[in-house]
Amino acid sequence: ELGPNDKRVIISLRATGEGHISSIVFRTGILDKNGNFILEPVGKMLEEAQHIERHIYDKKSFTSKLQEMDFHSIVPPELILDKLGDTFTYGELRKSIEEVRGGLHLAADKESLISQIVWLASSHYELQFSLDTNLSERVIFPVSINEKNGIEDARFVKFTDDNGEIIYYATYTAYNGNTILPKLLCTKDFYHFSSLPVHGEIAQNKGMALFPRKINGKYAMLCRLDGFNNYIAFSDTINIWREAKLLQQPKFPWEIIQIGTCGSPIETEKGWLVLTHGVGPMREYSIGASLLDLDNPEIEIGRLKRPILTPNEEEREGYVPNVVYSCGSMIHNENLILPYAMSDYASTYATMNLNELLDELQKSKT
């Protein structure tokens, strides 16, 4: 049973198996009033979800994604999509593709490229876990073709919609061995999950992190377009992002090579608390903190000159050495709770006083 000021939590973890293929697993536990994490027993079995291909596609968003992939330079999308309605099924799409293939007699190189339409369609799917499973037994394995080499860096956030509805979203990266595809996972109960690709300018790189609510009527996202800097984007639709603005560039020695997000921003009375990872000399990954304006998060209020977490002697050795990395954190009883990975071989967590951190951020006004 939960005691006074205790909180039940879910932690998502990246599990890396044979062939360096990553999946998503979960652990549950209780944070007590002092910030101690009590891990609940892990189930003895593993549960693979039932895979449900998404049957209905929206022509407008599907066409938009094909344009981003520069598909029109190979075969005009209209040849395939004009025969379909505003919405269409996976079977209808496959039939139209086969008709176009048969009529054009494409060369081998063009044939492999036209297959990207099927690749895109297969990236929409749903998963259903059995209701009699423990959460720690549920594993989200790579399912579609675009995920065959792993699903990485899931950044879960508890999102509260304008009507009060709560949905858990996770941005993540699908990898097929050659190309990455930024994707969005969503669930209300951690039994049923939907996965769909992210469209638009920001869907070119890793590092997306969704704000936990809309800002001025729009969804907001932190992202990294160029592999070096943090950007911010706004959208009316949660998986379509047309434009992004530069927000943060490497500024201090510990982040001089690149800067990226460590999960979704956290709302506080003083502003949006953003944890970032920075890559410095010797490719050491550290975790820092910055503060954004609540009403206009395009404004950075402050950023700490030094990281709040760096790899210690025990954390430097591992699968990917010299790295501490996180995909999310939370506030509990005026403390920041920061789960993080140690050189990609194990996970632990750190705690720090929230008010002290916010005070330091306000003193560091940029």
Protein backbone atom coordinates (compact mmCIF):
# COMPACT_ATOMS: atom_id res chain seq x y z
CA GLU A 1 0.00 0.00 0.00
CA LEU A 2 1.05 3.57 -0.63
CA GLY A 3 2.08 5.60 2.38
CA PRO A 4 1.68 9.37 2.82
CA ASN A 5 3.51 11.24 0.03
CA ASP A 6 4.48 7.98 -1.72
CA LYS A 7 4.00 7.73 -5.48
CA ARG A 8 3.62 4.72 -7.76
CA VAL A 9 5.73 5.05 -10.92
CA ILE A 10 6.49 3.33 -14.22
CA ILE A 11 9.98 3.44 -15.69
CA SER A 12 10.67 2.58 -19.33
CA LEU A 13 14.05 1.10 -20.19
CA ARG A 14 15.96 0.35 -23.36
CA ALA A 15 16.87 -3.34 -23.49
CA THR A 16 19.65 -4.23 -25.94
CA GLY A 17 19.92 -7.84 -27.06
CA GLU A 18 21.84 -9.95 -29.53
CA GLY A 19 22.86 -8.08 -32.67
CA HIS A 20 22.61 -4.74 -30.84
CA ILE A 21 18.83 -4.73 -31.38
CA SER A 22 16.91 -2.60 -28.89
CA SER A 23 13.44 -3.08 -27.42
CA ILE A 24 11.38 -1.25 -24.79
CA VAL A 25 10.75 -2.82 -21.37
CA PHE A 26 9.10 -1.51 -18.22
CA ARG A 27 9.64 -1.62 -14.48
CA THR A 28 7.26 -0.50 -11.75
CA GLY A 29 7.92 0.68 -8.24
CA ILE A 30 7.18 3.18 -5.51
CA LEU A 31 8.91 6.45 -4.73
CA ASP A 32 8.69 7.05 -1.00
CA LYS A 33 8.44 10.47 0.61
CA ASN A 34 12.25 10.76 0.77
CA GLY A 35 12.81 9.95 -2.90
CA ASN A 36 13.89 6.34 -2.39
CA PHE A 37 12.81 4.05 -5.23
CA ILE A 38 11.46 0.65 -4.21
CA LEU A 39 11.46 -1.69 -7.21
CA GLU A 40 8.52 -4.08 -7.40
CA PRO A 41 9.18 -7.78 -8.22
CA VAL A 42 9.82 -8.44 -11.89
CA GLY A 43 7.64 -11.00 -13.66
CA LYS A 44 9.17 -14.34 -14.59
CA MET A 45 7.69 -14.46 -18.10
CA LEU A 46 7.95 -12.19 -21.15
CA GLU A 47 4.90 -11.17 -23.14
CA GLU A 48 5.00 -10.32 -26.84
CA ALA A 49 2.08 -8.19 -27.96
CA GLN A 50 -0.39 -9.05 -30.66
CA HIS A 51 0.55 -7.01 -33.74
CA ILE A 52 -2.37 -5.22 -35.42
CA GLU A 53 -1.63 -3.47 -38.71
CA ARG A 54 -3.36 -0.14 -38.87
CA HIS A 55 -6.09 -0.53 -41.49
CA ILE A 56 -6.99 3.09 -42.23
CA TYR A 57 -4.57 5.68 -43.67
CA ASP A 58 -5.11 9.37 -44.30
CA LYS A 59 -4.13 10.32 -47.86
CA LYS A 60 -3.09 13.88 -46.99
CA SER A 61 -0.59 12.96 -44.26
CA PHE A 62 0.63 9.91 -46.20
CA THR A 63 1.37 12.06 -49.27
CA SER A 64 3.18 14.60 -47.10
CA LYS A 65 5.51 11.93 -45.75
CA LEU A 66 6.26 10.64 -49.27
CA GLN A 67 7.23 14.16 -50.32
CA GLU A 68 9.66 14.36 -47.39
CA MET A 69 11.19 11.10 -48.60
CA ASP A 70 11.64 12.66 -52.08
CA PHE A 71 9.59 9.84 -53.54
CA HIS A 72 8.23 12.06 -56.34
CA SER A 73 11.65 11.98 -58.05
CA ILE A 74 11.22 8.23 -58.59
CA VAL A 75 7.52 7.77 -59.27
CA PRO A 76 4.89 10.52 -58.86
CA PRO A 77 2.83 9.60 -55.77
CA GLU A 78 -0.32 10.49 -57.71
CA LEU A 79 0.11 7.35 -59.83
CA ILE A 80 -0.42 5.27 -56.73
CA LEU A 81 -2.65 7.44 -54.56
CA ASP A 82 -5.08 8.96 -57.09
CA LYS A 83 -6.96 5.68 -57.30
CA LEU A 84 -7.51 5.71 -53.55
CA GLY A 85 -10.01 7.66 -51.46
CA ASP A 86 -9.23 10.29 -48.83
CA THR A 87 -8.74 7.35 -46.50
CA PHE A 88 -7.68 3.87 -47.55
CA THR A 89 -6.76 0.49 -46.16
CA TYR A 90 -3.42 -1.29 -46.22
CA GLY A 91 -4.83 -3.83 -48.68
CA GLU A 92 -6.05 -1.10 -51.06
CA LEU A 93 -2.63 0.55 -50.97
CA ARG A 94 -0.82 -2.71 -51.73
CA LYS A 95 -3.15 -3.38 -54.67
CA SER A 96 -2.51 0.08 -56.15
CA ILE A 97 1.26 -0.33 -55.71
CA GLU A 98 1.25 -3.67 -57.53
CA GLU A 99 -0.75 -2.18 -60.42
CA VAL A 100 1.79 0.64 -60.81
CA ARG A 101 4.71 -1.77 -60.57
CA GLY A 102 3.26 -3.95 -63.29
CA GLY A 103 2.63 -1.01 -65.61
CA LEU A 104 6.01 0.74 -65.25
CA HIS A 105 8.42 -2.24 -65.35
CA LEU A 106 10.82 -0.51 -62.98
CA ALA A 107 14.54 -1.27 -62.92
CA ALA A 108 15.96 -2.99 -59.84
CA ASP A 109 17.15 0.23 -58.21
CA LYS A 110 13.80 1.93 -58.76
CA GLU A 111 12.02 -1.18 -57.54
CA SER A 112 13.79 -1.02 -54.20
CA LEU A 113 12.91 2.64 -53.85
CA ILE A 114 9.23 2.22 -54.61
CA SER A 115 9.19 -0.35 -51.82
CA GLN A 116 9.61 2.57 -49.43
CA ILE A 117 5.89 3.20 -49.78
CA VAL A 118 5.26 -0.22 -48.27
CA TRP A 119 7.94 0.58 -45.67
CA LEU A 120 6.06 3.75 -44.72
CA ALA A 121 2.69 2.01 -44.58
CA SER A 122 4.06 -0.73 -42.32
CA SER A 123 5.25 1.91 -39.84
CA HIS A 124 1.63 2.42 -38.70
CA TYR A 125 0.56 -0.34 -36.34
CA GLU A 126 -1.07 -1.17 -33.03
CA LEU A 127 -0.05 -3.53 -30.23
CA GLN A 128 -2.31 -5.31 -27.75
CA PHE A 129 -0.94 -7.02 -24.64
CA SER A 130 -2.85 -9.64 -22.68
CA LEU A 131 -4.78 -8.23 -19.72
CA ASP A 132 -3.42 -10.90 -17.39
CA THR A 133 0.22 -9.80 -17.74
CA ASN A 134 2.38 -7.85 -15.33
CA LEU A 135 3.75 -4.62 -16.81
CA SER A 136 7.33 -5.81 -16.28
CA GLU A 137 6.53 -8.80 -18.52
CA ARG A 138 5.44 -6.68 -21.49
CA VAL A 139 8.13 -6.08 -24.09
CA ILE A 140 7.74 -3.82 -27.10
CA PHE A 141 9.91 -5.57 -29.67
CA PRO A 142 10.74 -4.10 -33.10
CA VAL A 143 7.73 -4.95 -35.25
CA SER A 144 7.80 -3.22 -38.63
CA ILE A 145 10.44 -3.28 -41.37
CA ASN A 146 11.69 0.16 -40.41
CA GLU A 147 12.38 -1.06 -36.86
CA LYS A 148 14.23 -4.28 -37.69
CA ASN A 149 17.52 -2.99 -36.24
CA GLY A 150 15.96 -1.59 -33.10
CA ILE A 151 13.77 1.00 -31.40
CA GLU A 152 15.75 3.53 -29.41
CA ASP A 153 15.47 6.40 -26.93
CA ALA A 154 11.79 6.24 -26.00
CA ARG A 155 10.94 9.47 -24.16
CA PHE A 156 7.64 8.91 -22.36
CA VAL A 157 5.55 11.80 -21.07
CA LYS A 158 2.21 12.02 -19.29
CA PHE A 159 0.28 14.38 -21.57
CA THR A 160 -2.82 16.22 -20.36
CA ASP A 161 -5.10 17.42 -23.16
CA ASP A 162 -7.20 20.58 -23.01
CA ASN A 163 -10.25 18.51 -22.02
CA GLY A 164 -8.37 16.89 -19.13
CA GLU A 165 -7.84 13.57 -20.89
CA ILE A 166 -4.52 11.90 -20.06
CA ILE A 167 -2.52 10.06 -22.73
CA TYR A 168 0.99 8.70 -22.41
CA TYR A 169 3.12 9.54 -25.44
CA ALA A 170 6.65 8.47 -26.27
CA THR A 171 8.79 9.77 -29.08
CA TYR A 172 11.32 7.20 -30.25
CA THR A 173 13.66 6.37 -33.11
CA ALA A 174 13.09 3.42 -35.45
CA TYR A 175 16.19 2.09 -37.22
CA ASN A 176 16.30 -0.34 -40.13
CA GLY A 177 20.08 -0.56 -40.47
CA ASN A 178 20.35 2.30 -42.96
CA THR A 179 17.68 4.89 -42.20
CA ILE A 180 16.12 6.28 -39.03
CA LEU A 181 12.42 7.10 -38.76
CA PRO A 182 11.23 9.25 -35.84
CA LYS A 183 8.01 7.79 -34.47
CA LEU A 184 5.37 8.35 -31.82
CA LEU A 185 4.00 5.74 -29.44
CA CYS A 186 0.78 6.40 -27.54
CA THR A 187 -1.20 4.55 -24.88
CA LYS A 188 -3.81 5.21 -22.22
CA ASP A 189 -3.40 2.02 -20.20
CA PHE A 190 -0.04 0.39 -21.14
CA TYR A 191 -1.97 -2.58 -22.56
CA HIS A 192 -2.85 -1.11 -25.95
CA PHE A 193 -0.26 0.91 -27.88
CA SER A 194 -0.45 2.74 -31.22
CA SER A 195 2.62 3.62 -33.26
CA LEU A 196 2.80 6.10 -36.10
CA PRO A 197 5.56 8.02 -37.91
CA VAL A 198 6.28 11.69 -37.29
CA HIS A 199 5.97 13.95 -40.35
CA GLY A 200 7.56 17.28 -41.18
CA GLU A 201 10.83 19.15 -40.92
CA ILE A 202 11.74 17.81 -37.49
CA ALA A 203 11.41 14.19 -38.62
CA GLN A 204 14.97 14.10 -39.90
CA ASN A 205 16.97 13.45 -36.73
CA LYS A 206 16.86 11.97 -33.25
CA GLY A 207 16.13 13.74 -29.99
CA MET A 208 12.44 14.71 -29.98
CA ALA A 209 10.76 15.45 -26.63
CA LEU A 210 7.10 16.43 -26.32
CA PHE A 211 5.89 19.04 -23.83
CA PRO A 212 3.33 17.59 -21.34
CA ARG A 213 0.54 19.94 -22.45
CA LYS A 214 -0.33 22.33 -25.25
CA ILE A 215 1.11 25.84 -25.14
CA ASN A 216 -1.08 28.64 -26.48
CA GLY A 217 -3.32 26.04 -28.10
CA LYS A 218 -0.56 24.12 -29.90
CA TYR A 219 1.47 21.00 -29.27
CA ALA A 220 5.10 21.82 -28.52
CA MET A 221 8.20 19.72 -29.13
CA LEU A 222 11.93 19.99 -28.50
CA CYS A 223 13.97 18.46 -31.29
CA ARG A 224 17.38 18.41 -32.94
CA LEU A 225 17.44 18.98 -36.70
CA ASP A 226 21.16 19.11 -37.35
CA GLY A 227 22.66 16.75 -34.79
CA PHE A 228 24.27 19.59 -32.80
CA ASN A 229 21.66 22.08 -31.52
CA ASN A 230 18.26 22.03 -29.82
CA TYR A 231 15.23 23.41 -31.66
CA ILE A 232 11.62 24.03 -30.67
CA ALA A 233 8.54 23.38 -32.82
CA PHE A 234 4.78 23.95 -32.51
CA SER A 235 1.95 22.16 -34.30
CA ASP A 236 -1.82 21.75 -34.43
CA THR A 237 -1.36 18.02 -35.07
CA ILE A 238 0.71 15.84 -32.80
CA ASN A 239 2.56 13.92 -35.52
CA ILE A 240 2.92 16.65 -38.18
CA TRP A 241 5.60 19.30 -37.55
CA ARG A 242 6.34 21.75 -40.36
CA GLU A 243 8.79 24.25 -38.88
CA ALA A 244 11.25 24.52 -36.02
CA LYS A 245 13.24 27.40 -34.53
CA LEU A 246 16.74 27.29 -33.10
CA LEU A 247 16.56 27.27 -29.29
CA GLN A 248 19.92 26.22 -27.84
CA GLN A 249 23.46 25.86 -29.15
CA PRO A 250 26.50 24.34 -27.42
CA LYS A 251 27.80 27.06 -25.13
CA PHE A 252 30.00 25.57 -22.41
CA PRO A 253 32.97 23.16 -22.58
CA TRP A 254 31.01 20.12 -21.32
CA GLU A 255 28.55 20.43 -24.26
CA ILE A 256 30.90 21.82 -26.88
CA ILE A 257 30.42 19.01 -29.43
CA GLN A 258 26.62 18.74 -29.29
CA ILE A 259 23.59 19.31 -27.10
CA GLY A 260 20.37 17.30 -26.97
CA THR A 261 17.32 16.61 -24.81
CA CYS A 262 17.08 14.27 -21.82
CA GLY A 263 13.33 13.86 -21.96
CA SER A 264 10.25 16.06 -21.94
CA PRO A 265 10.30 19.49 -20.25
CA ILE A 266 8.90 19.59 -16.71
CA GLU A 267 6.49 22.37 -15.75
CA THR A 268 7.40 24.33 -12.60
CA GLU A 269 6.24 27.68 -11.20
CA LYS A 270 9.53 29.24 -12.35
CA GLY A 271 9.43 27.91 -15.92
CA TRP A 272 9.93 24.78 -18.01
CA LEU A 273 12.77 22.74 -16.55
CA VAL A 274 14.71 21.10 -19.39
CA LEU A 275 17.41 18.52 -18.79
CA THR A 276 19.91 18.22 -21.63
CA HIS A 277 22.76 15.93 -22.49
CA GLY A 278 25.99 17.47 -23.67
CA VAL A 279 28.95 15.87 -25.40
CA GLY A 280 32.31 17.31 -24.46
CA PRO A 281 35.99 16.46 -24.87
CA MET A 282 36.78 12.72 -25.18
CA ARG A 283 33.08 12.31 -26.11
CA GLU A 284 32.05 12.37 -22.47
CA TYR A 285 28.27 12.57 -22.10
CA SER A 286 27.04 14.67 -19.18
CA ILE A 287 23.61 15.94 -18.10
CA GLY A 288 22.85 19.63 -17.60
CA ALA A 289 19.82 21.82 -16.94
CA SER A 290 18.18 24.89 -18.42
CA LEU A 291 14.99 26.87 -17.79
CA LEU A 292 12.51 28.10 -20.43
CA ASP A 293 9.76 30.70 -20.11
CA LEU A 294 6.38 29.14 -19.27
CA ASP A 295 4.29 31.17 -21.71
CA ASN A 296 6.92 31.42 -24.45
CA PRO A 297 9.38 28.51 -24.25
CA GLU A 298 11.31 29.97 -27.18
CA ILE A 299 12.92 32.14 -24.47
CA GLU A 300 15.69 30.54 -22.44
CA ILE A 301 15.71 32.06 -18.93
CA GLY A 302 18.91 30.39 -17.80
CA ARG A 303 21.33 27.52 -18.33
CA LEU A 304 23.81 26.06 -15.86
CA LYS A 305 27.47 26.52 -16.76
CA ARG A 306 28.35 23.13 -15.32
CA PRO A 307 26.55 19.79 -15.67
CA ILE A 308 24.48 18.42 -12.81
CA LEU A 309 25.67 14.88 -13.53
CA THR A 310 28.87 13.47 -15.06
CA PRO A 311 30.14 9.88 -15.28
CA ASN A 312 31.97 8.88 -12.11
CA GLU A 313 34.73 6.28 -11.93
CA GLU A 314 32.30 3.36 -11.71
CA GLU A 315 30.05 4.67 -14.50
CA ARG A 316 32.74 5.28 -17.13
CA GLU A 317 33.20 1.64 -18.14
CA GLY A 318 30.48 -0.17 -20.07
CA TYR A 319 28.82 -0.98 -23.37
CA VAL A 320 29.19 2.65 -24.49
CA PRO A 321 31.87 4.07 -22.17
CA ASN A 322 32.06 7.50 -20.56
CA VAL A 323 28.32 8.19 -20.82
CA VAL A 324 25.45 9.12 -18.51
CA TYR A 325 22.17 9.49 -20.38
CA SER A 326 18.50 9.93 -19.55
CA CYS A 327 15.20 10.01 -21.43
CA GLY A 328 13.02 11.46 -18.70
CA SER A 329 12.69 12.67 -15.12
CA MET A 330 9.99 13.82 -12.71
CA ILE A 331 9.31 15.94 -9.62
CA HIS A 332 8.37 14.24 -6.35
CA ASN A 333 8.04 16.01 -2.99
CA GLU A 334 10.12 19.01 -4.10
CA ASN A 335 12.89 16.78 -5.44
CA LEU A 336 13.94 16.11 -9.01
CA ILE A 337 14.09 12.35 -9.61
CA LEU A 338 16.47 11.58 -12.48
CA PRO A 339 16.74 7.98 -13.75
CA TYR A 340 19.76 7.54 -16.02
CA ALA A 341 21.83 4.94 -17.83
CA MET A 342 25.45 4.28 -16.92
CA SER A 343 27.51 3.74 -20.09
CA ASP A 344 24.58 1.82 -21.60
CA TYR A 345 25.04 -1.26 -19.42
CA ALA A 346 22.93 -0.51 -16.32
CA SER A 347 20.48 2.04 -14.95
CA THR A 348 20.24 3.93 -11.67
CA TYR A 349 18.82 7.27 -10.50
CA ALA A 350 19.84 10.51 -8.84
CA THR A 351 17.88 13.01 -6.76
CA MET A 352 18.37 16.71 -6.14
CA ASN A 353 16.46 19.49 -4.45
CA LEU A 354 14.20 21.19 -6.98
CA ASN A 355 14.16 24.65 -5.41
CA GLU A 356 17.95 24.79 -5.17
CA LEU A 357 18.21 23.79 -8.83
CA LEU A 358 15.66 26.42 -9.93
CA ASP A 359 17.40 29.10 -7.87
CA GLU A 360 20.70 28.34 -9.58
CA LEU A 361 19.03 28.43 -12.99
CA GLN A 362 17.49 31.83 -12.31
CA LYS A 363 20.89 33.16 -11.20
CA SER A 364 22.40 31.95 -14.48
CA LYS A 365 20.14 34.09 -16.69
CA THR A 366 21.30 34.02 -20.30
